[in-house]
Amino acid sequence: METKSLKVEISVHATPDQGHLSLGFLNSVLISQSWVIEEFFVEESDDGNITSLGSYPDSFSFPDMPSLLRFQDLAPTNVHQQIKSCFNDHVLSRLITDHIVVESRRRDLPQGPLLITVFLRFTKKEYIVMPCNSAPQTTNVEGTCAVCLEDIFLIKWLDRHDSCPLCRQSTNSLTNNPSKALEELGEA
């Protein structure tokens, strides 16, 4: 069984706009997004062991071009209207708006147009839950690391990566073997 959850991290930083993006006296907000998948294996038992299988960029999300928005003033209602038109999500728009407005009101910022950069990181957490009696066995693979060999998550991992989920060593035998030149250097 697989369950998913989504976490959003918002980072906002305001600086005086030196005329690069402001077009006069407009405030500029530059929004960048990144999507990450983090996988966990959960053993459905009394102790509920959770093992992280790693994280990686979401290959199904398209590379996001940063959005540039311009504001005459950074009043919460103005900011929220434009942000909401970009995201079509009321809760996310409200969170982003709150961060922008709070950052724009910092006392150490000079008067004049601001450049506010917003970094959004969406982390999709996927939990693979296995009943206790069908939990994978831990196996030592030629002394490199212990790898759970349960088909459900190992095959899924290998479809997306060319490495062991724990030690990140390549599973491709061609890349694991050093070249003869490197072997000769090691012997010298």
Protein backbone atom coordinates (compact mmCIF):
# COMPACT_ATOMS: atom_id res chain seq x y z
CA MET A 1 0.00 0.00 0.00
CA GLU A 2 1.27 3.48 -0.80
CA THR A 3 0.23 6.79 0.75
CA LYS A 4 1.32 10.31 -0.11
CA SER A 5 1.54 13.72 1.54
CA LEU A 6 2.72 17.12 0.35
CA LYS A 7 4.87 19.62 2.22
CA VAL A 8 5.48 23.19 1.09
CA GLU A 9 8.48 25.25 2.16
CA ILE A 10 8.37 28.98 1.48
CA SER A 11 11.47 31.16 1.62
CA VAL A 12 11.16 34.90 0.97
CA HIS A 13 13.87 37.56 0.78
CA ALA A 14 13.42 41.28 0.02
CA THR A 15 16.11 43.65 -1.24
CA PRO A 16 15.98 47.17 -2.67
CA ASP A 17 15.41 46.98 -6.43
CA GLN A 18 18.22 48.91 -8.07
CA GLY A 19 16.20 49.44 -11.24
CA HIS A 20 16.99 46.08 -12.82
CA LEU A 21 13.42 44.78 -12.71
CA SER A 22 11.36 47.61 -11.25
CA LEU A 23 10.36 49.59 -14.37
CA GLY A 24 10.06 52.80 -12.44
CA PHE A 25 8.49 52.63 -9.02
CA LEU A 26 6.90 49.19 -9.22
CA ASN A 27 7.77 46.44 -6.74
CA SER A 28 8.83 43.14 -8.30
CA VAL A 29 8.16 39.65 -6.96
CA LEU A 30 10.10 36.77 -8.52
CA ILE A 31 8.70 33.30 -7.72
CA SER A 32 10.67 30.09 -8.32
CA GLN A 33 9.41 26.55 -7.67
CA SER A 34 11.04 23.16 -7.26
CA TRP A 35 9.41 19.76 -6.83
CA VAL A 36 11.03 16.90 -4.89
CA ILE A 37 9.89 13.36 -4.08
CA GLU A 38 10.98 11.78 -0.81
CA GLU A 39 10.29 8.06 -0.37
CA PHE A 40 9.88 6.16 2.89
CA PHE A 41 9.36 2.48 3.68
CA VAL A 42 7.06 1.86 6.65
CA GLU A 43 6.89 -1.56 8.31
CA GLU A 44 3.38 -2.09 9.57
CA SER A 45 4.20 -3.59 12.98
CA ASP A 46 4.04 -2.61 16.64
CA ASP A 47 7.20 -0.48 16.47
CA GLY A 48 6.36 0.98 13.01
CA ASN A 49 9.92 1.26 11.69
CA ILE A 50 10.29 3.98 9.05
CA THR A 51 13.23 3.90 6.66
CA SER A 52 14.04 6.74 4.28
CA LEU A 53 14.68 5.52 0.75
CA GLY A 54 16.01 8.91 -0.34
CA SER A 55 14.82 11.96 -2.21
CA TYR A 56 15.16 13.09 -5.79
CA PRO A 57 13.78 15.77 -8.13
CA ASP A 58 10.32 14.95 -9.42
CA SER A 59 10.87 13.89 -13.02
CA PHE A 60 7.17 14.27 -13.83
CA SER A 61 7.04 17.98 -13.03
CA PHE A 62 8.00 20.32 -15.82
CA PRO A 63 10.91 22.68 -15.23
CA ASP A 64 9.30 25.79 -13.86
CA MET A 65 10.16 29.16 -15.30
CA PRO A 66 10.28 31.78 -12.56
CA SER A 67 7.22 34.04 -12.46
CA LEU A 68 7.74 37.80 -12.31
CA LEU A 69 4.90 39.86 -10.86
CA ARG A 70 4.76 43.65 -10.51
CA PHE A 71 2.93 45.59 -7.80
CA GLN A 72 2.25 49.30 -7.40
CA ASP A 73 2.03 48.70 -3.66
CA LEU A 74 2.37 45.61 -1.52
CA ALA A 75 -1.02 45.81 0.20
CA PRO A 76 -2.19 42.32 1.22
CA THR A 77 -5.33 42.39 -0.96
CA ASN A 78 -3.40 43.44 -4.10
CA VAL A 79 -0.70 40.84 -3.52
CA HIS A 80 -3.23 38.08 -2.78
CA GLN A 81 -5.24 38.76 -5.95
CA GLN A 82 -2.22 38.43 -8.22
CA ILE A 83 -0.75 35.45 -6.38
CA LYS A 84 -4.10 33.64 -6.44
CA SER A 85 -4.38 34.17 -10.20
CA CYS A 86 -1.00 32.40 -10.59
CA PHE A 87 -1.67 29.42 -8.31
CA ASN A 88 -5.47 28.93 -8.23
CA ASP A 89 -5.11 27.65 -4.66
CA HIS A 90 -6.55 29.82 -1.91
CA VAL A 91 -4.55 28.36 1.00
CA LEU A 92 -1.21 28.36 -0.84
CA SER A 93 -1.88 31.87 -2.16
CA ARG A 94 -2.62 33.11 1.35
CA LEU A 95 0.60 31.56 2.72
CA ILE A 96 2.72 33.12 -0.03
CA THR A 97 0.97 36.49 0.38
CA ASP A 98 1.58 36.49 4.14
CA HIS A 99 5.29 35.78 3.65
CA ILE A 100 5.63 38.52 1.00
CA VAL A 101 3.79 41.16 3.04
CA VAL A 102 5.73 40.40 6.24
CA GLU A 103 9.07 40.49 4.41
CA SER A 104 8.20 43.75 2.61
CA ARG A 105 7.51 45.48 5.94
CA ARG A 106 10.93 44.83 7.45
CA ARG A 107 12.19 47.99 9.11
CA ASP A 108 15.72 47.68 7.73
CA LEU A 109 14.55 48.04 4.10
CA PRO A 110 14.83 51.50 2.51
CA GLN A 111 11.90 53.31 0.92
CA GLY A 112 11.46 52.66 -2.78
CA PRO A 113 10.78 49.71 -5.02
CA LEU A 114 11.65 46.25 -3.72
CA LEU A 115 12.71 43.04 -5.38
CA ILE A 116 11.21 40.16 -3.44
CA THR A 117 12.39 36.65 -4.30
CA VAL A 118 10.14 33.76 -3.30
CA PHE A 119 11.42 30.19 -3.36
CA LEU A 120 8.80 27.44 -3.15
CA ARG A 121 9.87 23.87 -2.53
CA PHE A 122 7.16 21.26 -2.83
CA THR A 123 8.12 17.93 -1.28
CA LYS A 124 5.86 15.01 -2.08
CA LYS A 125 6.37 12.34 0.56
CA GLU A 126 5.52 8.82 -0.54
CA TYR A 127 5.12 6.15 2.11
CA ILE A 128 5.27 2.52 1.06
CA VAL A 129 3.54 0.55 3.82
CA MET A 130 4.06 -3.20 4.07
CA PRO A 131 2.26 -5.56 6.45
CA CYS A 132 4.58 -7.04 9.06
CA ASN A 133 4.39 -10.60 7.69
CA SER A 134 5.38 -9.51 4.17
CA ALA A 135 8.15 -7.12 5.18
CA PRO A 136 11.24 -7.42 3.03
CA GLN A 137 14.27 -9.31 4.19
CA THR A 138 17.51 -7.41 4.60
CA THR A 139 20.29 -8.89 2.50
CA ASN A 140 23.96 -7.99 2.35
CA VAL A 141 24.91 -7.44 -1.30
CA GLU A 142 28.58 -8.41 -1.70
CA GLY A 143 29.56 -6.42 1.38
CA THR A 144 28.60 -3.03 -0.06
CA CYS A 145 25.39 -2.36 1.87
CA ALA A 146 22.21 -3.93 3.18
CA VAL A 147 19.48 -3.54 0.60
CA CYS A 148 15.82 -4.41 0.98
CA LEU A 149 15.06 -6.50 -2.06
CA GLU A 150 11.28 -6.28 -1.94
CA ASP A 151 10.05 -5.95 -5.52
CA ILE A 152 7.52 -3.26 -4.72
CA PHE A 153 9.93 -0.46 -3.92
CA LEU A 154 13.24 -1.75 -5.30
CA ILE A 155 11.95 -2.07 -8.86
CA LYS A 156 10.20 1.28 -8.57
CA TRP A 157 13.46 2.85 -7.35
CA LEU A 158 15.55 1.22 -10.11
CA ASP A 159 13.09 2.44 -12.75
CA ARG A 160 13.94 5.99 -11.71
CA HIS A 161 17.61 5.62 -10.71
CA ASP A 162 20.73 3.74 -11.73
CA SER A 163 21.93 3.20 -8.17
CA CYS A 164 21.35 1.35 -4.91
CA PRO A 165 18.74 3.17 -2.77
CA LEU A 166 20.97 3.03 0.33
CA CYS A 167 24.62 3.40 -0.70
CA ARG A 168 23.95 5.08 -4.10
CA GLN A 169 26.52 2.81 -5.79
CA SER A 170 25.69 2.31 -9.45
CA THR A 171 23.86 -0.90 -10.31
CA ASN A 172 25.36 -0.81 -13.81
CA SER A 173 28.32 -3.19 -13.89
CA LEU A 174 29.97 -1.12 -16.62
CA THR A 175 30.22 1.92 -14.36
CA ASN A 176 31.23 -0.10 -11.29
CA ASN A 177 34.39 -1.54 -12.84
CA PRO A 178 37.34 0.85 -12.97
CA SER A 179 39.14 1.20 -16.28
CA LYS A 180 42.42 -0.63 -16.84
CA ALA A 181 44.27 2.70 -16.73
CA LEU A 182 42.87 3.44 -13.27
CA GLU A 183 43.71 -0.08 -12.07
CA GLU A 184 47.31 0.35 -13.28
CA LEU A 185 47.57 3.68 -11.46
CA GLY A 186 46.37 1.99 -8.28
CA GLU A 187 49.05 -0.70 -8.56
CA ALA A 188 51.90 1.78 -9.10
